[in-house]
Amino acid sequence: MFSFEQLRGFVAVAEERHFGRAAERLSITQPPLSRQIQKLERTIGAQLLVRSSRGVQLTAAGQAFLADALRLLMLAERAPDLARRIGAGEAGSIRIGFTGAAAFGVLGEALNLISAKLPDLRLELSERVTNDQMAALTNGELDLGLARPPFDREFCFSRLLHRERLVLCVPEGHWLANLGRPVSATDFSAEALIMPSADQARYFYDLIVGLLPIVHDNVAHSVSQIQTMIWLVAARRGIAFVPESATRMHVEGVAWVELAELPEAPVELHLVWPNPATSPALSTVLEALAPLTGRFG
């Protein structure tokens, strides 16, 4: 196997087209430089250089090898800096999980903040419900999640990322959309409901039944995704309680109505990461997201 010293010697001679100038450039004498080239040629099994009265010429093999030698030297020079930057969390990759609802909410803003501060960090995204994110954080498949509480504090850390209102999604033209005021519980007491699944969307289910007097006999469908709830409303299968960020979907056939007598912003989304952390980039990513998380103290 050839050495980087031999590669540097070959590149110097190839670029200078002269052993004397190449030796001077490398701060060595000509004899050891000549021996380096000879050893390199023996290792490769091909002649790379030809001396002539016009100086030094590259053979066809030498021309081909020069391009690879330059790439190898460049990689060798960059490797320590890349390793340092990965260790410092400035490069490499981080695996981020997110809920479907986060995609039309704060996810884009969060990713843009990270990319602006850490342009060389590769962001690997994985859409998963909260329970799947927690399992992936525990087994090392994810480094960071955008998920809904509650969390097991023994195995993870969390930080509030976003808080928003709960709104009512109704079919376009529905009488609740024409009240001219926020909708109260008595207004929707007889309406068919599209509810989040108690098993697969536990956070939203618990949030809604904790805030509103849900008549369970009125539940027409239970599904796991906010998007599905909205499409079912558009199909006039019932009404649904969804996070305000869902209004950005601009689905035809639905209207959005304010709900009365609710906390200002009860819907929470958190950054969640494992204990101990799995990615050297985590601390720099959390720092990049400080403008978002700082809104909530």
Foldseek 3Di string as FASTA:
>chain_A
DADLVLLLLLLLCAVVLAQCRSCVVVVHHSPVSVVSQVVVCVVVVHRAWDQDPVGIDGDPVNVVVNVVSVVVVVCVVCVVVQVVCQLQLQAEEFEEEEEPLCVLPCVVVLVVLLCVQRVRYHYHYDYDAQVVVLVCQQVVNHQKYWYFDDDDVVWKDKFWQDFFDKWKKAFPPDPCQVPPAADEQVNCQQWAEEEEDCPQQVRRRCVDVVFHVHDVVRHQYYYHHPVVRNVCNLVVSTMYIDTPSVVSVPDPGMDIGHHPDGPGTHGTIMMMHTVVGDGSNVVVSVVSSCVRSVVVD
